[in-house]
Amino acid sequence: MGAQDTEDMLSAAQFTMKKADTPAKLALLQALTQNKIMVHTKNGKNYYIYADAAQCQCLYAGTEINYQQYQQIRLAKNIADDQLAAAEMNQSAMMNWGGWGPWGPGWGPGFY
């Protein structure tokens, strides 16, 4: 999963996106762990931070509720991706490869 996919899911989970619109903010952003959700505790409360200094030059911040929403969206996307891959494999398996005629040595049902 790429940074853009992650950022789309963070937005869908209502994380707040903040641009690094000054050199000072960009320096702070670059000092954070990049492209990975990290938990930070402030005043006894967990906040989830995702930094992307290279692409969007922004920071996504969310609460525990936002993070749980992100996890649900991510799980649903993984399930959908798995279902699509399985459907594509089933479609390929149903194809009548024999209808293509002889393939020559090494080209047949055991080729894969």
PDB file of N, CA and C in Angstrom:
ATOM      1  N   MET A   1       0.854  -1.168   0.000  1.00  0.00           N
ATOM      2  CA  MET A   1       0.000   0.000   0.000  1.00  0.00           C
ATOM      3  C   MET A   1       0.900   1.231   0.000  1.00  0.00           C
ATOM      4  N   GLY A   2       0.629   2.155  -0.917  1.00  0.00           N
ATOM      5  CA  GLY A   2       1.449   3.339  -1.058  1.00  0.00           C
ATOM      6  C   GLY A   2       1.005   4.466  -0.155  1.00  0.00           C
ATOM      7  N   ALA A   3       1.831   5.505  -0.142  1.00  0.00           N
ATOM      8  CA  ALA A   3       1.540   6.669   0.695  1.00  0.00           C
ATOM      9  C   ALA A   3       0.203   7.298   0.320  1.00  0.00           C
ATOM     10  N   GLN A   4      -0.095   7.383  -0.979  1.00  0.00           N
ATOM     11  CA  GLN A   4      -1.354   8.006  -1.398  1.00  0.00           C
ATOM     12  C   GLN A   4      -2.553   7.206  -0.906  1.00  0.00           C
ATOM     13  N   ASP A   5      -2.465   5.862  -0.964  1.00  0.00           N
ATOM     14  CA  ASP A   5      -3.555   5.029  -0.440  1.00  0.00           C
ATOM     15  C   ASP A   5      -3.756   5.288   1.051  1.00  0.00           C
ATOM     16  N   THR A   6      -2.648   5.324   1.787  1.00  0.00           N
ATOM     17  CA  THR A   6      -2.723   5.558   3.235  1.00  0.00           C
ATOM     18  C   THR A   6      -3.337   6.915   3.518  1.00  0.00           C
ATOM     19  N   GLU A   7      -2.891   7.940   2.794  1.00  0.00           N
ATOM     20  CA  GLU A   7      -3.407   9.282   3.032  1.00  0.00           C
ATOM     21  C   GLU A   7      -4.886   9.387   2.681  1.00  0.00           C
ATOM     22  N   ASP A   8      -5.311   8.691   1.642  1.00  0.00           N
ATOM     23  CA  ASP A   8      -6.736   8.662   1.300  1.00  0.00           C
ATOM     24  C   ASP A   8      -7.552   8.026   2.422  1.00  0.00           C
ATOM     25  N   MET A   9      -7.032   6.942   2.990  1.00  0.00           N
ATOM     26  CA  MET A   9      -7.744   6.267   4.076  1.00  0.00           C
ATOM     27  C   MET A   9      -7.740   7.114   5.346  1.00  0.00           C
ATOM     28  N   LEU A  10      -6.635   7.811   5.616  1.00  0.00           N
ATOM     29  CA  LEU A  10      -6.590   8.699   6.784  1.00  0.00           C
ATOM     30  C   LEU A  10      -7.619   9.818   6.634  1.00  0.00           C
ATOM     31  N   SER A  11      -7.722  10.374   5.445  1.00  0.00           N
ATOM     32  CA  SER A  11      -8.725  11.419   5.193  1.00  0.00           C
ATOM     33  C   SER A  11     -10.132  10.863   5.394  1.00  0.00           C
ATOM     34  N   ALA A  12     -10.374   9.667   4.870  1.00  0.00           N
ATOM     35  CA  ALA A  12     -11.689   9.039   5.024  1.00  0.00           C
ATOM     36  C   ALA A  12     -12.018   8.789   6.491  1.00  0.00           C
ATOM     37  N   ALA A  13     -10.994   8.548   7.301  1.00  0.00           N
ATOM     38  CA  ALA A  13     -11.184   8.311   8.733  1.00  0.00           C
ATOM     39  C   ALA A  13     -11.223   9.624   9.518  1.00  0.00           C
ATOM     40  N   GLN A  14     -11.259  10.730   8.810  1.00  0.00           N
ATOM     41  CA  GLN A  14     -11.382  12.074   9.378  1.00  0.00           C
ATOM     42  C   GLN A  14     -10.184  12.508  10.198  1.00  0.00           C
ATOM     43  N   PHE A  15      -8.990  12.013   9.818  1.00  0.00           N
ATOM     44  CA  PHE A  15      -7.767  12.586  10.378  1.00  0.00           C
ATOM     45  C   PHE A  15      -7.681  14.027   9.873  1.00  0.00           C
ATOM     46  N   THR A  16      -7.073  14.895  10.648  1.00  0.00           N
ATOM     47  CA  THR A  16      -6.878  16.279  10.238  1.00  0.00           C
ATOM     48  C   THR A  16      -5.549  16.385   9.501  1.00  0.00           C
ATOM     49  N   MET A  17      -5.576  16.996   8.311  1.00  0.00           N
ATOM     50  CA  MET A  17      -4.357  17.189   7.532  1.00  0.00           C
ATOM     51  C   MET A  17      -3.880  18.623   7.731  1.00  0.00           C
ATOM     52  N   LYS A  18      -2.595  18.740   8.059  1.00  0.00           N
ATOM     53  CA  LYS A  18      -1.997  20.067   8.260  1.00  0.00           C
ATOM     54  C   LYS A  18      -0.778  20.185   7.357  1.00  0.00           C
ATOM     55  N   LYS A  19      -0.757  21.236   6.548  1.00  0.00           N
ATOM     56  CA  LYS A  19       0.360  21.476   5.631  1.00  0.00           C
ATOM     57  C   LYS A  19       1.528  22.099   6.398  1.00  0.00           C
ATOM     58  N   ALA A  20       2.732  21.722   5.973  1.00  0.00           N
ATOM     59  CA  ALA A  20       3.940  22.357   6.492  1.00  0.00           C
ATOM     60  C   ALA A  20       4.166  23.588   5.626  1.00  0.00           C
ATOM     61  N   ASP A  21       3.516  24.700   5.986  1.00  0.00           N
ATOM     62  CA  ASP A  21       3.497  25.882   5.137  1.00  0.00           C
ATOM     63  C   ASP A  21       4.544  26.937   5.500  1.00  0.00           C
ATOM     64  N   THR A  22       5.446  26.574   6.401  1.00  0.00           N
ATOM     65  CA  THR A  22       6.574  27.452   6.710  1.00  0.00           C
ATOM     66  C   THR A  22       7.837  26.592   6.775  1.00  0.00           C
ATOM     67  N   PRO A  23       8.995  27.185   6.592  1.00  0.00           N
ATOM     68  CA  PRO A  23      10.236  26.406   6.717  1.00  0.00           C
ATOM     69  C   PRO A  23      10.386  25.741   8.086  1.00  0.00           C
ATOM     70  N   ALA A  24       9.936  26.408   9.131  1.00  0.00           N
ATOM     71  CA  ALA A  24      10.033  25.833  10.482  1.00  0.00           C
ATOM     72  C   ALA A  24       9.155  24.587  10.612  1.00  0.00           C
ATOM     73  N   LYS A  25       7.922  24.661  10.087  1.00  0.00           N
ATOM     74  CA  LYS A  25       7.027  23.497  10.144  1.00  0.00           C
ATOM     75  C   LYS A  25       7.577  22.350   9.293  1.00  0.00           C
ATOM     76  N   LEU A  26       8.152  22.676   8.136  1.00  0.00           N
ATOM     77  CA  LEU A  26       8.730  21.641   7.285  1.00  0.00           C
ATOM     78  C   LEU A  26       9.890  20.952   7.987  1.00  0.00           C
ATOM     79  N   ALA A  27      10.710  21.706   8.680  1.00  0.00           N
ATOM     80  CA  ALA A  27      11.821  21.111   9.430  1.00  0.00           C
ATOM     81  C   ALA A  27      11.305  20.175  10.521  1.00  0.00           C
ATOM     82  N   LEU A  28      10.248  20.595  11.219  1.00  0.00           N
ATOM     83  CA  LEU A  28       9.653  19.736  12.249  1.00  0.00           C
ATOM     84  C   LEU A  28       9.067  18.476  11.613  1.00  0.00           C
ATOM     85  N   LEU A  29       8.402  18.637  10.485  1.00  0.00           N
ATOM     86  CA  LEU A  29       7.809  17.505   9.773  1.00  0.00           C
ATOM     87  C   LEU A  29       8.878  16.505   9.343  1.00  0.00           C
ATOM     88  N   GLN A  30       9.981  17.008   8.808  1.00  0.00           N
ATOM     89  CA  GLN A  30      11.057  16.142   8.335  1.00  0.00           C
ATOM     90  C   GLN A  30      11.730  15.381   9.473  1.00  0.00           C
ATOM     91  N   ALA A  31      11.637  15.897  10.687  1.00  0.00           N
ATOM     92  CA  ALA A  31      12.253  15.233  11.843  1.00  0.00           C
ATOM     93  C   ALA A  31      11.420  14.044  12.336  1.00  0.00           C
ATOM     94  N   LEU A  32      10.168  13.955  11.895  1.00  0.00           N
ATOM     95  CA  LEU A  32       9.292  12.858  12.325  1.00  0.00           C
ATOM     96  C   LEU A  32       9.544  11.605  11.486  1.00  0.00           C
ATOM     97  N   THR A  33       9.141  10.461  12.030  1.00  0.00           N
ATOM     98  CA  THR A  33       9.160   9.216  11.267  1.00  0.00           C
ATOM     99  C   THR A  33       8.230   9.387  10.080  1.00  0.00           C
ATOM    100  N   GLN A  34       8.717   9.044   8.888  1.00  0.00           N
ATOM    101  CA  GLN A  34       7.973   9.301   7.652  1.00  0.00           C
ATOM    102  C   GLN A  34       7.136   8.098   7.216  1.00  0.00           C
ATOM    103  N   ASN A  35       5.953   8.418   6.693  1.00  0.00           N
ATOM    104  CA  ASN A  35       5.064   7.450   6.050  1.00  0.00           C
ATOM    105  C   ASN A  35       4.747   6.235   6.911  1.00  0.00           C
ATOM    106  N   LYS A  36       4.567   6.486   8.185  1.00  0.00           N
ATOM    107  CA  LYS A  36       4.194   5.436   9.120  1.00  0.00           C
ATOM    108  C   LYS A  36       3.373   6.082  10.230  1.00  0.00           C
ATOM    109  N   ILE A  37       2.283   5.437  10.608  1.00  0.00           N
ATOM    110  CA  ILE A  37       1.461   5.979  11.687  1.00  0.00           C
ATOM    111  C   ILE A  37       2.163   5.725  13.013  1.00  0.00           C
ATOM    112  N   MET A  38       2.383   6.813  13.726  1.00  0.00           N
ATOM    113  CA  MET A  38       3.051   6.736  15.024  1.00  0.00           C
ATOM    114  C   MET A  38       2.095   7.260  16.090  1.00  0.00           C
ATOM    115  N   VAL A  39       2.168   6.681  17.274  1.00  0.00           N
ATOM    116  CA  VAL A  39       1.325   7.150  18.374  1.00  0.00           C
ATOM    117  C   VAL A  39       2.160   8.074  19.259  1.00  0.00           C
ATOM    118  N   HIS A  40       1.558   9.191  19.609  1.00  0.00           N
ATOM    119  CA  HIS A  40       2.170  10.154  20.516  1.00  0.00           C
ATOM    120  C   HIS A  40       1.183  10.405  21.651  1.00  0.00           C
ATOM    121  N   THR A  41       1.690  10.438  22.875  1.00  0.00           N
ATOM    122  CA  THR A  41       0.840  10.674  24.031  1.00  0.00           C
ATOM    123  C   THR A  41       1.064  12.096  24.535  1.00  0.00           C
ATOM    124  N   LYS A  42      -0.034  12.814  24.707  1.00  0.00           N
ATOM    125  CA  LYS A  42       0.025  14.178  25.220  1.00  0.00           C
ATOM    126  C   LYS A  42      -1.075  14.331  26.256  1.00  0.00           C
ATOM    127  N   ASN A  43      -0.686  14.759  27.445  1.00  0.00           N
ATOM    128  CA  ASN A  43      -1.640  14.935  28.548  1.00  0.00           C
ATOM    129  C   ASN A  43      -2.460  13.671  28.802  1.00  0.00           C
ATOM    130  N   GLY A  44      -1.801  12.511  28.671  1.00  0.00           N
ATOM    131  CA  GLY A  44      -2.446  11.235  28.941  1.00  0.00           C
ATOM    132  C   GLY A  44      -3.365  10.736  27.835  1.00  0.00           C
ATOM    133  N   LYS A  45      -3.386  11.416  26.703  1.00  0.00           N
ATOM    134  CA  LYS A  45      -4.263  11.040  25.598  1.00  0.00           C
ATOM    135  C   LYS A  45      -3.410  10.675  24.386  1.00  0.00           C
ATOM    136  N   ASN A  46      -3.782   9.578  23.703  1.00  0.00           N
ATOM    137  CA  ASN A  46      -3.049   9.143  22.514  1.00  0.00           C
ATOM    138  C   ASN A  46      -3.517   9.890  21.272  1.00  0.00           C
ATOM    139  N   TYR A  47      -2.542  10.309  20.482  1.00  0.00           N
ATOM    140  CA  TYR A  47      -2.789  10.913  19.174  1.00  0.00           C
ATOM    141  C   TYR A  47      -1.987  10.131  18.151  1.00  0.00           C
ATOM    142  N   TYR A  48      -2.550   9.987  16.981  1.00  0.00           N
ATOM    143  CA  TYR A  48      -1.913   9.219  15.921  1.00  0.00           C
ATOM    144  C   TYR A  48      -1.471  10.190  14.834  1.00  0.00           C
ATOM    145  N   ILE A  49      -0.195  10.097  14.487  1.00  0.00           N
ATOM    146  CA  ILE A  49       0.439  11.052  13.581  1.00  0.00           C
ATOM    147  C   ILE A  49       1.026  10.310  12.392  1.00  0.00           C
ATOM    148  N   TYR A  50       0.822  10.859  11.201  1.00  0.00           N
ATOM    149  CA  TYR A  50       1.397  10.327   9.967  1.00  0.00           C
ATOM    150  C   TYR A  50       2.050  11.505   9.247  1.00  0.00           C
ATOM    151  N   ALA A  51       3.352  11.424   9.022  1.00  0.00           N
ATOM    152  CA  ALA A  51       4.107  12.505   8.393  1.00  0.00           C
ATOM    153  C   ALA A  51       4.515  12.119   6.975  1.00  0.00           C
ATOM    154  N   ASP A  52       4.361  13.061   6.051  1.00  0.00           N
ATOM    155  CA  ASP A  52       4.782  12.856   4.661  1.00  0.00           C
ATOM    156  C   ASP A  52       5.460  14.139   4.172  1.00  0.00           C
ATOM    157  N   ALA A  53       6.746  14.233   4.419  1.00  0.00           N
ATOM    158  CA  ALA A  53       7.500  15.422   4.022  1.00  0.00           C
ATOM    159  C   ALA A  53       7.830  15.412   2.545  1.00  0.00           C
ATOM    160  N   ALA A  54       7.908  14.239   1.924  1.00  0.00           N
ATOM    161  CA  ALA A  54       8.347  14.135   0.535  1.00  0.00           C
ATOM    162  C   ALA A  54       7.239  14.479  -0.462  1.00  0.00           C
ATOM    163  N   GLN A  55       6.040  13.970  -0.267  1.00  0.00           N
ATOM    164  CA  GLN A  55       4.973  14.144  -1.250  1.00  0.00           C
ATOM    165  C   GLN A  55       4.093  15.363  -0.944  1.00  0.00           C
ATOM    166  N   CYS A  56       3.268  15.243   0.065  1.00  0.00           N
ATOM    167  CA  CYS A  56       2.301  16.316   0.334  1.00  0.00           C
ATOM    168  C   CYS A  56       2.853  17.401   1.251  1.00  0.00           C
ATOM    169  N   GLN A  57       3.995  17.142   1.849  1.00  0.00           N
ATOM    170  CA  GLN A  57       4.568  18.050   2.846  1.00  0.00           C
ATOM    171  C   GLN A  57       3.499  18.401   3.881  1.00  0.00           C
ATOM    172  N   CYS A  58       2.949  17.321   4.447  1.00  0.00           N
ATOM    173  CA  CYS A  58       1.864  17.502   5.398  1.00  0.00           C
ATOM    174  C   CYS A  58       1.943  16.461   6.502  1.00  0.00           C
ATOM    175  N   LEU A  59       1.111  16.699   7.494  1.00  0.00           N
ATOM    176  CA  LEU A  59       0.999  15.837   8.652  1.00  0.00           C
ATOM    177  C   LEU A  59      -0.476  15.504   8.828  1.00  0.00           C
ATOM    178  N   TYR A  60      -0.781  14.246   9.088  1.00  0.00           N
ATOM    179  CA  TYR A  60      -2.137  13.827   9.426  1.00  0.00           C
ATOM    180  C   TYR A  60      -2.154  13.522  10.913  1.00  0.00           C
ATOM    181  N   ALA A  61      -3.146  14.043  11.615  1.00  0.00           N
ATOM    182  CA  ALA A  61      -3.258  13.812  13.052  1.00  0.00           C
ATOM    183  C   ALA A  61      -4.677  13.370  13.372  1.00  0.00           C
ATOM    184  N   GLY A  62      -4.770  12.370  14.263  1.00  0.00           N
ATOM    185  CA  GLY A  62      -6.084  11.870  14.640  1.00  0.00           C
ATOM    186  C   GLY A  62      -6.104  11.353  16.059  1.00  0.00           C
ATOM    187  N   THR A  63      -7.306  11.125  16.527  1.00  0.00           N
ATOM    188  CA  THR A  63      -7.527  10.593  17.870  1.00  0.00           C
ATOM    189  C   THR A  63      -7.662   9.078  17.800  1.00  0.00           C
ATOM    190  N   GLU A  64      -7.905   8.469  18.934  1.00  0.00           N
ATOM    191  CA  GLU A  64      -8.131   7.024  18.996  1.00  0.00           C
ATOM    192  C   GLU A  64      -9.322   6.626  18.120  1.00  0.00           C
ATOM    193  N   ILE A  65     -10.377   7.429  18.143  1.00  0.00           N
ATOM    194  CA  ILE A  65     -11.564   7.139  17.326  1.00  0.00           C
ATOM    195  C   ILE A  65     -11.207   7.173  15.846  1.00  0.00           C
ATOM    196  N   ASN A  66     -10.442   8.196  15.422  1.00  0.00           N
ATOM    197  CA  ASN A  66     -10.024   8.286  14.023  1.00  0.00           C
ATOM    198  C   ASN A  66      -9.172   7.091  13.630  1.00  0.00           C
ATOM    199  N   TYR A  67      -8.292   6.679  14.541  1.00  0.00           N
ATOM    200  CA  TYR A  67      -7.411   5.547  14.254  1.00  0.00           C
ATOM    201  C   TYR A  67      -8.211   4.260  14.098  1.00  0.00           C
ATOM    202  N   GLN A  68      -9.212   4.056  14.942  1.00  0.00           N
ATOM    203  CA  GLN A  68     -10.058   2.867  14.821  1.00  0.00           C
ATOM    204  C   GLN A  68     -10.827   2.883  13.497  1.00  0.00           C
ATOM    205  N   GLN A  69     -11.294   4.057  13.087  1.00  0.00           N
ATOM    206  CA  GLN A  69     -11.970   4.178  11.787  1.00  0.00           C
ATOM    207  C   GLN A  69     -10.996   3.838  10.659  1.00  0.00           C
ATOM    208  N   TYR A  70      -9.766   4.342  10.757  1.00  0.00           N
ATOM    209  CA  TYR A  70      -8.743   4.043   9.754  1.00  0.00           C
ATOM    210  C   TYR A  70      -8.517   2.537   9.659  1.00  0.00           C
ATOM    211  N   GLN A  71      -8.404   1.859  10.794  1.00  0.00           N
ATOM    212  CA  GLN A  71      -8.179   0.416  10.813  1.00  0.00           C
ATOM    213  C   GLN A  71      -9.334  -0.322  10.134  1.00  0.00           C
ATOM    214  N   GLN A  72     -10.561   0.114  10.364  1.00  0.00           N
ATOM    215  CA  GLN A  72     -11.723  -0.523   9.726  1.00  0.00           C
ATOM    216  C   GLN A  72     -11.697  -0.313   8.210  1.00  0.00           C
ATOM    217  N   ILE A  73     -11.351   0.890   7.778  1.00  0.00           N
ATOM    218  CA  ILE A  73     -11.268   1.188   6.346  1.00  0.00           C
ATOM    219  C   ILE A  73     -10.162   0.357   5.710  1.00  0.00           C
ATOM    220  N   ARG A  74      -9.034   0.275   6.384  1.00  0.00           N
ATOM    221  CA  ARG A  74      -7.892  -0.497   5.872  1.00  0.00           C
ATOM    222  C   ARG A  74      -8.243  -1.977   5.745  1.00  0.00           C
ATOM    223  N   LEU A  75      -8.913  -2.520   6.747  1.00  0.00           N
ATOM    224  CA  LEU A  75      -9.326  -3.919   6.713  1.00  0.00           C
ATOM    225  C   LEU A  75     -10.295  -4.161   5.553  1.00  0.00           C
ATOM    226  N   ALA A  76     -11.268  -3.278   5.390  1.00  0.00           N
ATOM    227  CA  ALA A  76     -12.232  -3.423   4.294  1.00  0.00           C
ATOM    228  C   ALA A  76     -11.535  -3.367   2.943  1.00  0.00           C
ATOM    229  N   LYS A  77     -10.547  -2.482   2.806  1.00  0.00           N
ATOM    230  CA  LYS A  77      -9.801  -2.385   1.546  1.00  0.00           C
ATOM    231  C   LYS A  77      -9.008  -3.664   1.293  1.00  0.00           C
ATOM    232  N   ASN A  78      -8.371  -4.198   2.325  1.00  0.00           N
ATOM    233  CA  ASN A  78      -7.610  -5.443   2.165  1.00  0.00           C
ATOM    234  C   ASN A  78      -8.516  -6.592   1.750  1.00  0.00           C
ATOM    235  N   ILE A  79      -9.697  -6.674   2.355  1.00  0.00           N
ATOM    236  CA  ILE A  79     -10.645  -7.733   2.000  1.00  0.00           C
ATOM    237  C   ILE A  79     -11.090  -7.560   0.550  1.00  0.00           C
ATOM    238  N   ALA A  80     -11.399  -6.327   0.157  1.00  0.00           N
ATOM    239  CA  ALA A  80     -11.825  -6.067  -1.225  1.00  0.00           C
ATOM    240  C   ALA A  80     -10.703  -6.415  -2.207  1.00  0.00           C
ATOM    241  N   ASP A  81      -9.468  -6.060  -1.874  1.00  0.00           N
ATOM    242  CA  ASP A  81      -8.336  -6.385  -2.748  1.00  0.00           C
ATOM    243  C   ASP A  81      -8.153  -7.892  -2.868  1.00  0.00           C
ATOM    244  N   ASP A  82      -8.304  -8.615  -1.756  1.00  0.00           N
ATOM    245  CA  ASP A  82      -8.188 -10.079  -1.776  1.00  0.00           C
ATOM    246  C   ASP A  82      -9.299 -10.705  -2.620  1.00  0.00           C
ATOM    247  N   GLN A  83     -10.513 -10.182  -2.483  1.00  0.00           N
ATOM    248  CA  GLN A  83     -11.632 -10.714  -3.260  1.00  0.00           C
ATOM    249  C   GLN A  83     -11.419 -10.473  -4.753  1.00  0.00           C
ATOM    250  N   LEU A  84     -10.890  -9.319  -5.112  1.00  0.00           N
ATOM    251  CA  LEU A  84     -10.609  -9.030  -6.513  1.00  0.00           C
ATOM    252  C   LEU A  84      -9.544  -9.973  -7.053  1.00  0.00           C
ATOM    253  N   ALA A  85      -8.482 -10.203  -6.285  1.00  0.00           N
ATOM    254  CA  ALA A  85      -7.422 -11.114  -6.720  1.00  0.00           C
ATOM    255  C   ALA A  85      -7.967 -12.528  -6.901  1.00  0.00           C
ATOM    256  N   ALA A  86      -8.817 -12.972  -5.974  1.00  0.00           N
ATOM    257  CA  ALA A  86      -9.401 -14.311  -6.079  1.00  0.00           C
ATOM    258  C   ALA A  86     -10.303 -14.416  -7.305  1.00  0.00           C
ATOM    259  N   ALA A  87     -11.086 -13.382  -7.575  1.00  0.00           N
ATOM    260  CA  ALA A  87     -11.965 -13.393  -8.748  1.00  0.00           C
ATOM    261  C   ALA A  87     -11.151 -13.457 -10.036  1.00  0.00           C
ATOM    262  N   GLU A  88     -10.044 -12.717 -10.072  1.00  0.00           N
ATOM    263  CA  GLU A  88      -9.185 -12.750 -11.262  1.00  0.00           C
ATOM    264  C   GLU A  88      -8.554 -14.126 -11.446  1.00  0.00           C
ATOM    265  N   MET A  89      -8.155 -14.762 -10.335  1.00  0.00           N
ATOM    266  CA  MET A  89      -7.572 -16.102 -10.420  1.00  0.00           C
ATOM    267  C   MET A  89      -8.623 -17.103 -10.894  1.00  0.00           C
ATOM    268  N   ASN A  90      -9.860 -16.988 -10.376  1.00  0.00           N
ATOM    269  CA  ASN A  90     -10.935 -17.888 -10.793  1.00  0.00           C
ATOM    270  C   ASN A  90     -11.253 -17.717 -12.268  1.00  0.00           C
ATOM    271  N   GLN A  91     -11.259 -16.494 -12.740  1.00  0.00           N
ATOM    272  CA  GLN A  91     -11.529 -16.239 -14.150  1.00  0.00           C
ATOM    273  C   GLN A  91     -10.452 -16.879 -15.017  1.00  0.00           C
ATOM    274  N   SER A  92      -9.216 -16.760 -14.604  1.00  0.00           N
ATOM    275  CA  SER A  92      -8.106 -17.358 -15.350  1.00  0.00           C
ATOM    276  C   SER A  92      -8.212 -18.880 -15.334  1.00  0.00           C
ATOM    277  N   ALA A  93      -8.584 -19.435 -14.173  1.00  0.00           N
ATOM    278  CA  ALA A  93      -8.687 -20.895 -14.054  1.00  0.00           C
ATOM    279  C   ALA A  93      -9.815 -21.443 -14.921  1.00  0.00           C
ATOM    280  N   MET A  94     -10.862 -20.658 -15.136  1.00  0.00           N
ATOM    281  CA  MET A  94     -11.998 -21.116 -15.929  1.00  0.00           C
ATOM    282  C   MET A  94     -11.737 -21.004 -17.434  1.00  0.00           C
ATOM    283  N   MET A  95     -10.717 -20.296 -17.810  1.00  0.00           N
ATOM    284  CA  MET A  95     -10.431 -20.128 -19.232  1.00  0.00           C
ATOM    285  C   MET A  95     -10.087 -21.483 -19.852  1.00  0.00           C
ATOM    286  N   ASN A  96     -10.603 -21.753 -21.020  1.00  0.00           N
ATOM    287  CA  ASN A  96     -10.358 -23.017 -21.706  1.00  0.00           C
ATOM    288  C   ASN A  96      -9.044 -22.919 -22.467  1.00  0.00           C
ATOM    289  N   TRP A  97      -7.957 -23.236 -21.773  1.00  0.00           N
ATOM    290  CA  TRP A  97      -6.634 -23.123 -22.394  1.00  0.00           C
ATOM    291  C   TRP A  97      -6.465 -24.106 -23.548  1.00  0.00           C
ATOM    292  N   GLY A  98      -7.184 -25.241 -23.509  1.00  0.00           N
ATOM    293  CA  GLY A  98      -7.083 -26.217 -24.589  1.00  0.00           C
ATOM    294  C   GLY A  98      -7.616 -25.684 -25.914  1.00  0.00           C
ATOM    295  N   GLY A  99      -8.488 -24.699 -25.861  1.00  0.00           N
ATOM    296  CA  GLY A  99      -9.043 -24.114 -27.062  1.00  0.00           C
ATOM    297  C   GLY A  99      -8.020 -23.354 -27.894  1.00  0.00           C
ATOM    298  N   TRP A 100      -6.857 -23.123 -27.333  1.00  0.00           N
ATOM    299  CA  TRP A 100      -5.805 -22.396 -28.026  1.00  0.00           C
ATOM    300  C   TRP A 100      -4.942 -23.322 -28.884  1.00  0.00           C
ATOM    301  N   GLY A 101      -5.203 -24.595 -28.777  1.00  0.00           N
ATOM    302  CA  GLY A 101      -4.412 -25.538 -29.574  1.00  0.00           C
ATOM    303  C   GLY A 101      -3.113 -25.900 -28.875  1.00  0.00           C
ATOM    304  N   PRO A 102      -2.243 -26.654 -29.583  1.00  0.00           N
ATOM    305  CA  PRO A 102      -0.991 -27.067 -28.952  1.00  0.00           C
ATOM    306  C   PRO A 102      -0.080 -25.876 -28.678  1.00  0.00           C
ATOM    307  N   TRP A 103       0.567 -25.931 -27.533  1.00  0.00           N
ATOM    308  CA  TRP A 103       1.457 -24.860 -27.108  1.00  0.00           C
ATOM    309  C   TRP A 103       2.920 -25.223 -27.327  1.00  0.00           C
ATOM    310  N   GLY A 104       3.186 -26.459 -27.554  1.00  0.00           N
ATOM    311  CA  GLY A 104       4.577 -26.883 -27.687  1.00  0.00           C
ATOM    312  C   GLY A 104       5.134 -27.368 -26.371  1.00  0.00           C
ATOM    313  N   PRO A 105       6.358 -27.845 -26.373  1.00  0.00           N
ATOM    314  CA  PRO A 105       6.964 -28.393 -25.160  1.00  0.00           C
ATOM    315  C   PRO A 105       7.023 -27.333 -24.035  1.00  0.00           C
ATOM    316  N   GLY A 106       6.615 -27.744 -22.870  1.00  0.00           N
ATOM    317  CA  GLY A 106       6.685 -26.861 -21.712  1.00  0.00           C
ATOM    318  C   GLY A 106       5.500 -25.926 -21.576  1.00  0.00           C
ATOM    319  N   TRP A 107       4.609 -25.872 -22.600  1.00  0.00           N
ATOM    320  CA  TRP A 107       3.450 -24.987 -22.536  1.00  0.00           C
ATOM    321  C   TRP A 107       2.198 -25.827 -22.405  1.00  0.00           C
ATOM    322  N   GLY A 108       1.685 -25.903 -21.252  1.00  0.00           N
ATOM    323  CA  GLY A 108       0.473 -26.670 -21.052  1.00  0.00           C
ATOM    324  C   GLY A 108      -0.081 -26.393 -19.681  1.00  0.00           C
ATOM    325  N   PRO A 109      -1.006 -27.245 -19.256  1.00  0.00           N
ATOM    326  CA  PRO A 109      -1.648 -27.007 -17.958  1.00  0.00           C
ATOM    327  C   PRO A 109      -0.646 -26.941 -16.813  1.00  0.00           C
ATOM    328  N   GLY A 110       0.455 -27.671 -16.901  1.00  0.00           N
ATOM    329  CA  GLY A 110       1.443 -27.642 -15.826  1.00  0.00           C
ATOM    330  C   GLY A 110       2.432 -26.492 -15.940  1.00  0.00           C
ATOM    331  N   PHE A 111       2.264 -25.637 -16.954  1.00  0.00           N
ATOM    332  CA  PHE A 111       3.203 -24.542 -17.184  1.00  0.00           C
ATOM    333  C   PHE A 111       3.287 -23.611 -15.993  1.00  0.00           C
ATOM    334  N   TYR A 112       2.155 -23.354 -15.372  1.00  0.00           N
ATOM    335  CA  TYR A 112       2.127 -22.420 -14.260  1.00  0.00           C
ATOM    336  C   TYR A 112       2.564 -23.108 -13.004  1.00  0.00           C
TER     337      TYR A 112
END
